[in-house]
Amino acid sequence: MFVHLHVHSNYSFLRGLADPVDLAQMAARLEMPALALTDHQGLSGAIEFYIACQAQGVQPILGLELTVRSPSEI
């Protein structure tokens, strides 16, 4: 059993190309029990991804990748 836990969709500017629905469909096709969506700096595709995973029988895992800077770097 294999599950991707670090996936960017097309909602991650310049980091991902795949549509959240396509990601869910591919996970189902590859018989993955779950798939994580960890877009960069936002959760814009989270609802679309969640609904698509539910429709495909894949457990959605939602995450977020943030860039954090210390106050001295601002």
C-alpha atoms as a PDB file:
ATOM      1  CA  MET A   1       0.000   0.000   0.000  1.00  0.00           C
ATOM      2  CA  PHE A   2       1.359   3.418  -0.983  1.00  0.00           C
ATOM      3  CA  VAL A   3      -0.054   6.854  -0.242  1.00  0.00           C
ATOM      4  CA  HIS A   4       1.332  10.178  -1.467  1.00  0.00           C
ATOM      5  CA  LEU A   5       1.490  12.651   1.426  1.00  0.00           C
ATOM      6  CA  HIS A   6       3.008  15.645  -0.392  1.00  0.00           C
ATOM      7  CA  VAL A   7       1.065  16.585  -3.532  1.00  0.00           C
ATOM      8  CA  HIS A   8       0.589  19.990  -5.143  1.00  0.00           C
ATOM      9  CA  SER A   9      -2.314  20.719  -7.493  1.00  0.00           C
ATOM     10  CA  ASN A  10      -2.718  23.441 -10.088  1.00  0.00           C
ATOM     11  CA  TYR A  11      -3.755  25.734  -7.230  1.00  0.00           C
ATOM     12  CA  SER A  12      -0.095  25.859  -6.119  1.00  0.00           C
ATOM     13  CA  PHE A  13       1.265  28.617  -8.325  1.00  0.00           C
ATOM     14  CA  LEU A  14       4.302  27.375 -10.305  1.00  0.00           C
ATOM     15  CA  ARG A  15       4.482  24.170  -8.231  1.00  0.00           C
ATOM     16  CA  GLY A  16       1.768  21.826  -9.473  1.00  0.00           C
ATOM     17  CA  LEU A  17      -0.013  21.045 -12.729  1.00  0.00           C
ATOM     18  CA  ALA A  18      -2.668  18.457 -11.902  1.00  0.00           C
ATOM     19  CA  ASP A  19      -6.302  19.291 -11.300  1.00  0.00           C
ATOM     20  CA  PRO A  20      -7.605  18.042  -7.900  1.00  0.00           C
ATOM     21  CA  VAL A  21     -10.262  15.923  -9.650  1.00  0.00           C
ATOM     22  CA  ASP A  22      -7.608  14.321 -11.870  1.00  0.00           C
ATOM     23  CA  LEU A  23      -5.500  13.569  -8.789  1.00  0.00           C
ATOM     24  CA  ALA A  24      -8.405  11.770  -7.112  1.00  0.00           C
ATOM     25  CA  GLN A  25      -9.188   9.793 -10.257  1.00  0.00           C
ATOM     26  CA  MET A  26      -5.566   8.705 -10.663  1.00  0.00           C
ATOM     27  CA  ALA A  27      -5.332   7.662  -7.011  1.00  0.00           C
ATOM     28  CA  ALA A  28      -8.425   5.496  -7.476  1.00  0.00           C
ATOM     29  CA  ARG A  29      -7.051   4.042 -10.697  1.00  0.00           C
ATOM     30  CA  LEU A  30      -3.810   3.139  -8.884  1.00  0.00           C
ATOM     31  CA  GLU A  31      -5.846   1.639  -6.018  1.00  0.00           C
ATOM     32  CA  MET A  32      -4.476   4.034  -3.413  1.00  0.00           C
ATOM     33  CA  PRO A  33      -6.591   4.010  -0.240  1.00  0.00           C
ATOM     34  CA  ALA A  34      -5.851   7.703   0.454  1.00  0.00           C
ATOM     35  CA  LEU A  35      -4.187  10.776  -1.031  1.00  0.00           C
ATOM     36  CA  ALA A  36      -2.974  14.006   0.527  1.00  0.00           C
ATOM     37  CA  LEU A  37      -3.263  17.449  -1.030  1.00  0.00           C
ATOM     38  CA  THR A  38      -0.696  19.869   0.388  1.00  0.00           C
ATOM     39  CA  ASP A  39      -0.892  22.949  -1.788  1.00  0.00           C
ATOM     40  CA  HIS A  40       1.587  25.758  -1.272  1.00  0.00           C
ATOM     41  CA  GLN A  41       0.375  28.842   0.617  1.00  0.00           C
ATOM     42  CA  GLY A  42      -3.338  28.050   0.376  1.00  0.00           C
ATOM     43  CA  LEU A  43      -6.244  25.639   0.590  1.00  0.00           C
ATOM     44  CA  SER A  44      -7.951  26.781  -2.615  1.00  0.00           C
ATOM     45  CA  GLY A  45      -8.468  23.293  -4.057  1.00  0.00           C
ATOM     46  CA  ALA A  46      -9.389  21.575  -0.788  1.00  0.00           C
ATOM     47  CA  ILE A  47     -13.175  21.353  -1.268  1.00  0.00           C
ATOM     48  CA  GLU A  48     -12.909  20.277  -4.901  1.00  0.00           C
ATOM     49  CA  PHE A  49     -10.298  17.661  -3.925  1.00  0.00           C
ATOM     50  CA  TYR A  50     -12.346  16.378  -0.969  1.00  0.00           C
ATOM     51  CA  ILE A  51     -15.502  15.929  -3.035  1.00  0.00           C
ATOM     52  CA  ALA A  52     -13.594  14.228  -5.872  1.00  0.00           C
ATOM     53  CA  CYS A  53     -11.876  11.821  -3.472  1.00  0.00           C
ATOM     54  CA  GLN A  54     -15.183  10.926  -1.819  1.00  0.00           C
ATOM     55  CA  ALA A  55     -16.700  10.194  -5.239  1.00  0.00           C
ATOM     56  CA  GLN A  56     -13.763   7.923  -6.120  1.00  0.00           C
ATOM     57  CA  GLY A  57     -13.670   6.076  -2.794  1.00  0.00           C
ATOM     58  CA  VAL A  58     -10.287   7.548  -1.844  1.00  0.00           C
ATOM     59  CA  GLN A  59      -9.743   8.963   1.643  1.00  0.00           C
ATOM     60  CA  PRO A  60      -8.758  12.639   1.285  1.00  0.00           C
ATOM     61  CA  ILE A  61      -6.022  14.025   3.507  1.00  0.00           C
ATOM     62  CA  LEU A  62      -5.813  17.805   3.591  1.00  0.00           C
ATOM     63  CA  GLY A  63      -2.651  19.677   4.418  1.00  0.00           C
ATOM     64  CA  LEU A  64      -0.906  22.929   3.705  1.00  0.00           C
ATOM     65  CA  GLU A  65       2.657  23.914   2.928  1.00  0.00           C
ATOM     66  CA  LEU A  66       3.511  27.333   4.318  1.00  0.00           C
ATOM     67  CA  THR A  67       6.609  29.444   4.004  1.00  0.00           C
ATOM     68  CA  VAL A  68       7.382  30.854   7.434  1.00  0.00           C
ATOM     69  CA  ARG A  69       9.838  33.681   7.992  1.00  0.00           C
ATOM     70  CA  SER A  70      11.172  35.052  11.216  1.00  0.00           C
ATOM     71  CA  PRO A  71      10.440  38.715  12.055  1.00  0.00           C
ATOM     72  CA  SER A  72      14.078  39.606  11.326  1.00  0.00           C
ATOM     73  CA  GLU A  73      13.639  38.500   7.676  1.00  0.00           C
ATOM     74  CA  ILE A  74      10.677  40.780   7.004  1.00  0.00           C
END
